[in-house]
Amino acid sequence: MAKTKYAGVYVDNNGQFYYEAELGIDRITGKRLRKKGRKNQQGKKFTTAIQTYKELIRIKNDCLSTNGYANYNMTYGQFMDKVYIPAYKTDVEKSTFSVREKTLENIRDRFSLLPLRSITIEDVQNYRTWLLSEDGAGYSQSYASLVFGMFRKSLEMAVDMQYLELNISKKVKAIAKGKSNVSFWTKTDFEKVIATICLDDFYEHLCFVMLWVYFMTGVRVNEGTALWWENIDFKNKRLQVHHMLIIERKEVWERKNYTKTLDGKRMITLDDDTLEVLAIWKKRQENMGIHDFIFSYDGCPMIKSTIANIIKRYAKLANVQSIQAKGLRHSHASYLINEFNVSVLILSKRMGHSSPEITLKHYSHMWSGIDEVIAQEMTGNIEIKTASQTAINFSGNQAIKNKFRQFPAKTVGNVL
């Protein structure tokens, strides 16, 4: 190895020029960053010392543009394991992370061995296609949108932390969420379901109360499982929704003093039937020594899988479609809209949405049947009484005038 007049540029015994650079300390590994190269950006070997030196300067300037901390050898997998996934874990609920962890790991594994700075538009586009393709992941539109969005956010954090100069994934079209159709029960469906439940049995009585409260209040699943008797104001006929339940398993849970959104904290006025259902159940629970959770047969909260099994069991007995637990919330919205033509403002308040726009986004299609009712009510509402002769002196084309007179309005249709 021989030095040249350019610092950091050397020539070997074969006359091949190369550079060696010290780029500081890697903030990921804490190790000193060194870079050695014999080729330029185009992959061609250096033929002169000046060419080699120019490439060395470019490398150093590029490093300085990221505050001297860029790890040119850091892979996407290293970034995900040491930076993004740990940060994401601290930013979301424990339950949310447990649900998303596997997805994050799958994203990591897709690009794991690629250097973070080497991910190309083509790589991103191929990933997008793979997510949606039947020959690839074959995900639904909504889930593919979620996964691709999480990938884009990971690269955005790399930009924020100055590991990258730009988020290359933003040059590829995002995946639209698509429409998510949640099945729900109509009033008739619900009546068929509760008709199959025997209240003499303690556990079936619990199933009845659970289904009734969700259908009649529209609370979210984890809001309902968090309900204690102290949340029911029998005197003022109100239900206080101020908590959500984070549960890993039946014995391991946490009752959070907040809901999914800030506007989720709300008071819901209860109808007399619901109050009676709750009062009877409260006495029966007390006789069994249960005093906290409303949806409980042993003092422990009800888990989501249990709710799903209850819905599936009674849907089958009633010969109606089985729905997801969150479908009971949609059932409540449908019930209020189709039975009582409730306004969007009232529905928004009961559902705990931040604005009526959110309510319309999810439930606007449910108001479609109201149009038919309005059309029926409009029939005959306006008295049709017209003049027996015209008060206008027609001065236009007489041929047209005479033609119109051949077909008077009273001879067309039955309305006039």
Protein backbone atom coordinates (compact mmCIF):
# COMPACT_ATOMS: atom_id res chain seq x y z
CA MET A 1 0.00 0.00 0.00
CA ALA A 2 1.33 3.40 -0.98
CA LYS A 3 0.05 6.85 -0.11
CA THR A 4 -0.79 9.48 -2.69
CA LYS A 5 -0.70 13.24 -2.34
CA TYR A 6 -4.42 13.12 -1.48
CA ALA A 7 -5.27 12.38 2.15
CA GLY A 8 -7.14 9.12 2.49
CA VAL A 9 -6.30 7.95 -1.06
CA TYR A 10 -3.98 5.02 -1.59
CA VAL A 11 -2.69 2.78 -4.38
CA ASP A 12 -1.97 -0.93 -3.96
CA ASN A 13 0.80 -3.05 -5.46
CA ASN A 14 -1.29 -3.63 -8.58
CA GLY A 15 -1.68 0.07 -9.22
CA GLN A 16 -5.34 0.09 -8.12
CA PHE A 17 -6.50 3.28 -6.42
CA TYR A 18 -8.79 3.13 -3.39
CA TYR A 19 -9.89 5.30 -0.49
CA GLU A 20 -10.26 4.78 3.24
CA ALA A 21 -12.44 7.10 5.31
CA GLU A 22 -13.19 7.62 9.00
CA LEU A 23 -16.84 8.73 9.34
CA GLY A 24 -17.25 9.12 13.09
CA ILE A 25 -19.22 6.96 15.53
CA ASP A 26 -22.29 4.91 14.62
CA ARG A 27 -25.16 6.00 16.88
CA ILE A 28 -26.75 2.55 16.47
CA THR A 29 -23.80 0.30 17.40
CA GLY A 30 -21.45 2.79 19.06
CA LYS A 31 -18.62 1.57 16.84
CA ARG A 32 -16.27 3.68 14.73
CA LEU A 33 -17.46 4.08 11.17
CA ARG A 34 -14.95 3.25 8.44
CA LYS A 35 -15.56 3.06 4.74
CA LYS A 36 -13.22 1.65 2.10
CA GLY A 37 -13.87 1.59 -1.64
CA ARG A 38 -12.28 0.91 -5.00
CA LYS A 39 -15.25 1.88 -7.19
CA ASN A 40 -17.33 5.00 -7.80
CA GLN A 41 -21.14 5.34 -7.64
CA GLN A 42 -21.47 3.74 -11.06
CA GLY A 43 -19.50 0.69 -9.97
CA LYS A 44 -16.41 1.53 -12.05
CA LYS A 45 -12.90 1.15 -10.67
CA PHE A 46 -10.87 4.29 -10.09
CA THR A 47 -8.17 4.97 -12.68
CA THR A 48 -6.62 8.06 -11.09
CA ALA A 49 -5.96 9.42 -7.63
CA ILE A 50 -8.07 12.53 -8.28
CA GLN A 51 -11.09 10.39 -9.19
CA THR A 52 -10.66 8.46 -5.99
CA TYR A 53 -10.31 11.64 -3.93
CA LYS A 54 -13.48 13.18 -5.41
CA GLU A 55 -15.45 10.08 -4.45
CA LEU A 56 -13.98 10.24 -0.94
CA ILE A 57 -15.08 13.88 -0.59
CA ARG A 58 -18.58 12.96 -1.79
CA ILE A 59 -18.80 10.18 0.78
CA LYS A 60 -17.72 12.51 3.59
CA ASN A 61 -20.10 15.28 2.54
CA ASP A 62 -22.95 12.80 2.37
CA CYS A 63 -22.11 11.66 5.86
CA LEU A 64 -21.96 15.23 7.15
CA SER A 65 -25.39 15.97 5.69
CA THR A 66 -26.77 13.51 8.25
CA ASN A 67 -24.84 15.09 11.12
CA GLY A 68 -22.04 12.56 10.81
CA TYR A 69 -24.08 9.76 12.34
CA ALA A 70 -25.23 7.83 9.28
CA ASN A 71 -24.37 4.16 9.41
CA TYR A 72 -23.82 3.27 5.79
CA ASN A 73 -23.83 -0.42 6.64
CA MET A 74 -26.95 -0.36 8.83
CA THR A 75 -29.64 -2.67 7.48
CA TYR A 76 -33.37 -2.10 7.65
CA GLY A 77 -33.53 -5.02 10.06
CA GLN A 78 -31.08 -3.35 12.45
CA PHE A 79 -33.03 -0.11 12.29
CA MET A 80 -36.32 -1.87 13.07
CA ASP A 81 -34.91 -3.94 15.94
CA LYS A 82 -32.86 -1.22 17.61
CA VAL A 83 -34.81 1.93 16.84
CA TYR A 84 -38.30 1.75 15.37
CA ILE A 85 -39.91 -1.22 17.13
CA PRO A 86 -38.68 -0.18 20.62
CA ALA A 87 -39.90 3.38 19.99
CA TYR A 88 -43.27 2.17 18.69
CA LYS A 89 -43.69 0.00 21.78
CA THR A 90 -43.36 3.02 24.05
CA ASP A 91 -45.82 5.11 22.01
CA VAL A 92 -48.84 2.80 21.99
CA GLU A 93 -50.91 0.81 24.45
CA LYS A 94 -49.54 -2.56 25.51
CA SER A 95 -52.55 -4.27 23.91
CA THR A 96 -52.01 -2.39 20.65
CA PHE A 97 -48.36 -3.40 20.51
CA SER A 98 -49.20 -7.05 21.13
CA VAL A 99 -51.55 -6.96 18.15
CA ARG A 100 -49.12 -5.09 15.86
CA GLU A 101 -45.86 -6.77 16.91
CA LYS A 102 -46.12 -9.66 14.47
CA THR A 103 -46.96 -7.28 11.61
CA LEU A 104 -43.91 -5.15 12.39
CA GLU A 105 -41.73 -8.23 12.44
CA ASN A 106 -43.09 -9.33 9.05
CA ILE A 107 -42.31 -5.90 7.59
CA ARG A 108 -38.83 -6.05 9.08
CA ASP A 109 -38.18 -9.50 7.63
CA ARG A 110 -39.21 -8.35 4.14
CA PHE A 111 -36.35 -5.82 3.97
CA SER A 112 -34.18 -7.13 6.79
CA LEU A 113 -30.91 -7.61 4.91
CA LEU A 114 -31.16 -4.51 2.73
CA PRO A 115 -29.05 -1.52 3.81
CA LEU A 116 -31.46 1.17 4.97
CA ARG A 117 -30.05 3.67 2.50
CA SER A 118 -30.28 1.19 -0.39
CA ILE A 119 -34.05 0.62 -0.42
CA THR A 120 -35.26 1.70 -3.85
CA ILE A 121 -38.55 2.82 -5.37
CA GLU A 122 -38.65 -0.52 -7.14
CA ASP A 123 -38.33 -2.37 -3.80
CA VAL A 124 -41.23 -0.36 -2.39
CA GLN A 125 -43.43 -0.81 -5.45
CA ASN A 126 -42.79 -4.55 -5.48
CA TYR A 127 -43.75 -4.73 -1.82
CA ARG A 128 -46.98 -2.81 -2.49
CA THR A 129 -47.86 -5.18 -5.31
CA TRP A 130 -47.03 -8.21 -3.18
CA LEU A 131 -49.33 -7.06 -0.37
CA LEU A 132 -52.31 -6.80 -2.73
CA SER A 133 -51.57 -9.67 -5.09
CA GLU A 134 -53.29 -13.05 -4.77
CA ASP A 135 -49.94 -14.62 -5.65
CA GLY A 136 -48.32 -12.62 -2.86
CA ALA A 137 -49.68 -11.90 0.60
CA GLY A 138 -53.24 -11.73 -0.69
CA TYR A 139 -54.28 -9.33 2.09
CA SER A 140 -57.59 -7.54 2.09
CA GLN A 141 -57.57 -3.95 0.89
CA SER A 142 -57.93 -2.56 4.41
CA TYR A 143 -55.21 -4.76 5.96
CA ALA A 144 -52.80 -4.16 3.07
CA SER A 145 -53.36 -0.43 3.59
CA LEU A 146 -52.52 -0.79 7.29
CA VAL A 147 -49.33 -2.79 6.66
CA PHE A 148 -48.07 -0.51 3.90
CA GLY A 149 -48.81 2.52 6.06
CA MET A 150 -46.78 1.07 8.93
CA PHE A 151 -43.85 0.47 6.56
CA ARG A 152 -44.00 4.08 5.34
CA LYS A 153 -44.07 5.36 8.93
CA SER A 154 -40.94 3.39 9.76
CA LEU A 155 -39.04 5.09 6.95
CA GLU A 156 -40.45 8.45 8.00
CA MET A 157 -38.91 7.96 11.44
CA ALA A 158 -35.59 7.13 9.77
CA VAL A 159 -35.82 10.51 8.04
CA ASP A 160 -36.74 12.29 11.27
CA MET A 161 -33.71 10.76 12.97
CA GLN A 162 -31.54 11.76 10.00
CA TYR A 163 -30.61 8.23 8.98
CA LEU A 164 -32.14 9.04 5.58
CA GLU A 165 -32.49 12.25 3.59
CA LEU A 166 -35.93 11.35 2.20
CA ASN A 167 -38.69 8.80 2.57
CA ILE A 168 -38.44 6.83 -0.65
CA SER A 169 -41.77 5.09 0.01
CA LYS A 170 -43.64 8.36 -0.50
CA LYS A 171 -42.75 8.21 -4.17
CA VAL A 172 -45.01 5.15 -4.43
CA LYS A 173 -48.79 5.50 -4.30
CA ALA A 174 -50.33 4.69 -0.94
CA ILE A 175 -52.87 1.87 -0.63
CA ALA A 176 -56.38 3.19 -0.10
CA LYS A 177 -58.16 1.83 2.95
CA GLY A 178 -61.20 0.72 1.01
CA LYS A 179 -64.66 0.31 2.45
CA SER A 180 -65.02 -1.79 5.56
CA ASN A 181 -68.49 -3.35 5.75
CA VAL A 182 -69.31 -4.47 9.28
CA SER A 183 -72.24 -6.86 9.54
CA PHE A 184 -74.90 -6.02 12.12
CA TRP A 185 -78.22 -7.23 13.49
CA THR A 186 -81.51 -5.58 12.67
CA LYS A 187 -84.19 -5.16 15.30
CA THR A 188 -85.84 -8.35 14.01
CA ASP A 189 -82.54 -10.26 14.19
CA PHE A 190 -81.98 -9.12 17.76
CA GLU A 191 -85.49 -10.12 18.81
CA LYS A 192 -84.89 -13.61 17.37
CA VAL A 193 -81.59 -13.90 19.25
CA ILE A 194 -82.87 -12.94 22.71
CA ALA A 195 -85.86 -15.26 22.19
CA THR A 196 -83.43 -18.21 22.34
CA ILE A 197 -82.00 -17.25 25.74
CA CYS A 198 -83.28 -18.81 28.99
CA LEU A 199 -82.96 -16.35 31.88
CA ASP A 200 -83.42 -19.09 34.48
CA ASP A 201 -79.82 -20.12 33.86
CA PHE A 202 -77.35 -17.74 35.54
CA TYR A 203 -74.79 -17.80 32.70
CA GLU A 204 -77.44 -17.40 30.02
CA HIS A 205 -78.85 -14.49 31.98
CA LEU A 206 -75.39 -12.88 31.78
CA CYS A 207 -75.32 -13.48 28.01
CA PHE A 208 -78.71 -11.77 27.70
CA VAL A 209 -77.60 -8.73 29.71
CA MET A 210 -74.36 -8.41 27.75
CA LEU A 211 -76.07 -8.57 24.34
CA TRP A 212 -78.85 -6.23 25.49
CA VAL A 213 -76.53 -3.53 26.84
CA TYR A 214 -74.30 -3.52 23.75
CA PHE A 215 -77.30 -3.40 21.41
CA MET A 216 -79.12 -0.68 23.35
CA THR A 217 -76.15 1.61 24.12
CA GLY A 218 -73.64 1.20 21.28
CA VAL A 219 -70.64 1.22 23.61
CA ARG A 220 -67.35 -0.10 22.23
CA VAL A 221 -66.40 -3.64 23.16
CA ASN A 222 -63.62 -2.67 25.60
CA GLU A 223 -65.83 0.10 27.05
CA GLY A 224 -68.51 -2.47 27.85
CA THR A 225 -66.14 -4.98 29.43
CA ALA A 226 -64.81 -2.18 31.68
CA LEU A 227 -68.27 -1.23 33.07
CA TRP A 228 -68.71 -1.41 36.83
CA TRP A 229 -71.98 -0.95 38.68
CA GLU A 230 -70.76 2.42 39.89
CA ASN A 231 -71.06 3.56 36.25
CA ILE A 232 -74.86 3.13 36.34
CA ASP A 233 -76.92 6.01 37.74
CA PHE A 234 -80.35 4.42 38.21
CA LYS A 235 -81.86 7.61 39.63
CA ASN A 236 -80.91 9.88 36.73
CA LYS A 237 -81.09 7.05 34.16
CA ARG A 238 -77.57 7.43 32.87
CA LEU A 239 -74.60 5.28 31.95
CA GLN A 240 -71.14 6.70 32.52
CA VAL A 241 -68.61 5.59 29.89
CA HIS A 242 -65.22 6.66 31.25
CA HIS A 243 -63.07 3.53 31.10
CA MET A 244 -61.70 0.89 28.76
CA LEU A 245 -60.38 -2.54 29.62
CA ILE A 246 -56.97 -3.77 28.47
CA ILE A 247 -56.92 -7.52 28.95
CA GLU A 248 -54.33 -10.18 28.18
CA ARG A 249 -56.25 -13.05 29.73
CA LYS A 250 -59.02 -13.50 32.25
CA GLU A 251 -56.85 -12.95 35.31
CA VAL A 252 -54.51 -10.35 33.81
CA TRP A 253 -56.21 -7.07 32.96
CA GLU A 254 -56.03 -3.32 33.48
CA ARG A 255 -58.96 -0.91 33.68
CA LYS A 256 -57.80 2.34 32.07
CA ASN A 257 -59.27 5.67 33.17
CA TYR A 258 -59.86 6.81 29.59
CA THR A 259 -61.50 5.64 26.37
CA LYS A 260 -60.33 5.17 22.79
CA THR A 261 -60.66 8.91 22.06
CA LEU A 262 -60.98 12.04 24.20
CA ASP A 263 -64.61 12.43 23.09
CA GLY A 264 -65.24 8.80 24.02
CA LYS A 265 -65.77 9.82 27.64
CA ARG A 266 -69.50 10.42 27.74
CA MET A 267 -72.84 9.99 29.52
CA ILE A 268 -75.50 7.91 27.78
CA THR A 269 -79.14 8.23 28.77
CA LEU A 270 -80.71 4.82 29.39
CA ASP A 271 -84.24 3.74 28.52
CA ASP A 272 -86.50 2.25 31.20
CA ASP A 273 -86.30 -1.26 29.72
CA THR A 274 -82.50 -1.27 29.95
CA LEU A 275 -82.63 0.05 33.52
CA GLU A 276 -84.99 -2.77 34.49
CA VAL A 277 -82.75 -5.38 32.80
CA LEU A 278 -79.77 -4.03 34.73
CA ALA A 279 -81.57 -3.77 38.07
CA ILE A 280 -82.70 -7.42 37.95
CA TRP A 281 -79.21 -8.58 36.95
CA LYS A 282 -77.58 -6.50 39.69
CA LYS A 283 -79.63 -8.24 42.38
CA ARG A 284 -78.85 -11.66 40.95
CA GLN A 285 -75.12 -10.87 40.83
CA GLU A 286 -75.18 -9.63 44.42
CA ASN A 287 -76.72 -12.92 45.52
CA MET A 288 -73.70 -14.61 43.94
CA GLY A 289 -71.25 -12.25 45.69
CA ILE A 290 -70.31 -10.30 42.55
CA HIS A 291 -70.15 -6.53 42.98
CA ASP A 292 -67.86 -4.85 40.41
CA PHE A 293 -67.98 -5.87 36.75
CA ILE A 294 -71.44 -5.86 35.16
CA PHE A 295 -70.48 -8.47 32.57
CA SER A 296 -69.19 -11.15 34.92
CA TYR A 297 -70.29 -14.48 36.37
CA ASP A 298 -67.26 -15.04 38.63
CA GLY A 299 -65.97 -11.55 39.51
CA CYS A 300 -63.53 -11.46 36.58
CA PRO A 301 -64.15 -9.39 33.46
CA MET A 302 -65.47 -10.94 30.27
CA ILE A 303 -62.86 -11.38 27.53
CA LYS A 304 -63.44 -10.62 23.86
CA SER A 305 -63.21 -14.23 22.72
CA THR A 306 -66.00 -15.13 25.15
CA ILE A 307 -68.20 -12.38 23.72
CA ALA A 308 -67.49 -13.60 20.19
CA ASN A 309 -68.43 -17.17 21.17
CA ILE A 310 -71.67 -16.01 22.80
CA ILE A 311 -72.68 -14.09 19.68
CA LYS A 312 -71.85 -17.03 17.43
CA ARG A 313 -73.77 -19.50 19.62
CA TYR A 314 -77.03 -17.55 19.81
CA ALA A 315 -76.87 -16.39 16.19
CA LYS A 316 -76.80 -20.05 15.17
CA LEU A 317 -79.71 -20.91 17.50
CA ALA A 318 -81.74 -17.97 16.15
CA ASN A 319 -80.79 -18.76 12.54
CA VAL A 320 -79.47 -15.22 11.91
CA GLN A 321 -76.08 -14.12 10.59
CA SER A 322 -73.20 -14.23 13.04
CA ILE A 323 -71.52 -10.87 13.56
CA GLN A 324 -68.35 -9.57 15.20
CA ALA A 325 -68.55 -8.11 18.69
CA LYS A 326 -68.10 -4.63 17.23
CA GLY A 327 -71.10 -5.39 15.03
CA LEU A 328 -73.32 -4.83 18.09
CA ARG A 329 -72.19 -1.18 18.06
CA HIS A 330 -73.22 -0.91 14.42
CA SER A 331 -76.47 -2.67 15.30
CA HIS A 332 -77.23 0.07 17.82
CA ALA A 333 -76.63 2.76 15.20
CA SER A 334 -78.88 0.96 12.71
CA TYR A 335 -81.58 0.53 15.34
CA LEU A 336 -81.66 4.24 16.22
CA ILE A 337 -81.59 5.35 12.59
CA ASN A 338 -84.16 2.95 11.17
CA GLU A 339 -86.56 2.84 14.11
CA PHE A 340 -86.41 6.41 15.36
CA ASN A 341 -84.83 8.41 12.52
CA VAL A 342 -82.35 9.77 15.07
CA SER A 343 -80.37 12.84 14.05
CA VAL A 344 -76.67 12.59 13.30
CA LEU A 345 -75.92 14.91 16.25
CA ILE A 346 -77.63 12.65 18.78
CA LEU A 347 -76.07 9.52 17.31
CA SER A 348 -72.63 11.14 17.33
CA LYS A 349 -73.01 11.97 21.03
CA ARG A 350 -74.15 8.47 21.99
CA MET A 351 -71.38 6.81 19.99
CA GLY A 352 -68.67 9.03 21.48
CA HIS A 353 -67.43 10.43 18.15
CA SER A 354 -65.35 13.60 18.03
CA SER A 355 -67.62 15.14 15.38
CA PRO A 356 -70.76 14.39 13.32
CA GLU A 357 -68.46 14.01 10.30
CA ILE A 358 -66.98 10.88 11.87
CA THR A 359 -70.48 9.51 12.45
CA LEU A 360 -71.47 10.16 8.85
CA LYS A 361 -68.26 8.53 7.62
CA HIS A 362 -69.20 5.26 9.33
CA TYR A 363 -73.00 5.25 9.24
CA SER A 364 -74.23 7.53 6.44
CA HIS A 365 -75.28 4.52 4.37
CA MET A 366 -77.72 3.50 7.11
CA TRP A 367 -79.86 6.57 6.48
CA SER A 368 -80.61 5.39 2.93
CA GLY A 369 -83.91 3.78 3.96
CA ILE A 370 -85.10 7.07 5.47
CA ASP A 371 -85.34 8.49 1.95
CA GLU A 372 -88.13 6.04 1.13
CA VAL A 373 -90.04 6.98 4.28
CA ILE A 374 -89.74 10.67 3.44
CA ALA A 375 -90.94 10.03 -0.10
CA GLN A 376 -94.04 8.26 1.26
CA GLU A 377 -94.76 11.09 3.68
CA MET A 378 -94.35 13.64 0.88
CA THR A 379 -97.13 11.94 -1.12
CA GLY A 380 -100.29 14.03 -0.81
CA ASN A 381 -98.65 16.56 1.48
CA ILE A 382 -99.01 19.42 -1.02
CA GLU A 383 -102.51 20.23 -2.31
CA ILE A 384 -102.45 20.39 -6.09
CA LYS A 385 -104.91 23.10 -7.18
CA THR A 386 -104.22 24.93 -10.44
CA ALA A 387 -105.96 27.69 -12.46
CA SER A 388 -108.77 26.71 -14.83
CA GLN A 389 -107.44 29.06 -17.52
CA THR A 390 -104.19 30.82 -18.27
CA ALA A 391 -103.56 34.37 -17.15
CA ILE A 392 -100.71 34.81 -19.62
CA ASN A 393 -101.21 36.37 -23.04
CA PHE A 394 -99.10 34.09 -25.25
CA SER A 395 -97.45 36.09 -28.04
CA GLY A 396 -95.02 33.48 -29.37
CA ASN A 397 -95.25 31.02 -32.20
CA GLN A 398 -98.99 30.39 -32.77
CA ALA A 399 -98.36 26.96 -34.30
CA ILE A 400 -96.70 25.83 -31.09
CA LYS A 401 -99.50 27.39 -29.04
CA ASN A 402 -102.16 25.50 -30.97
CA LYS A 403 -100.17 22.26 -30.70
CA PHE A 404 -99.98 22.53 -26.90
CA ARG A 405 -103.74 23.12 -26.71
CA GLN A 406 -104.34 19.77 -28.43
CA PHE A 407 -102.89 18.01 -25.36
CA PRO A 408 -104.21 19.70 -22.20
CA ALA A 409 -102.58 18.74 -18.89
CA LYS A 410 -105.74 17.17 -17.50
CA THR A 411 -105.57 14.46 -20.17
CA VAL A 412 -102.06 13.34 -19.07
CA GLY A 413 -101.64 11.19 -15.96
CA ASN A 414 -103.85 10.89 -12.88
CA VAL A 415 -102.30 13.47 -10.55
CA LEU A 416 -103.65 16.50 -12.37
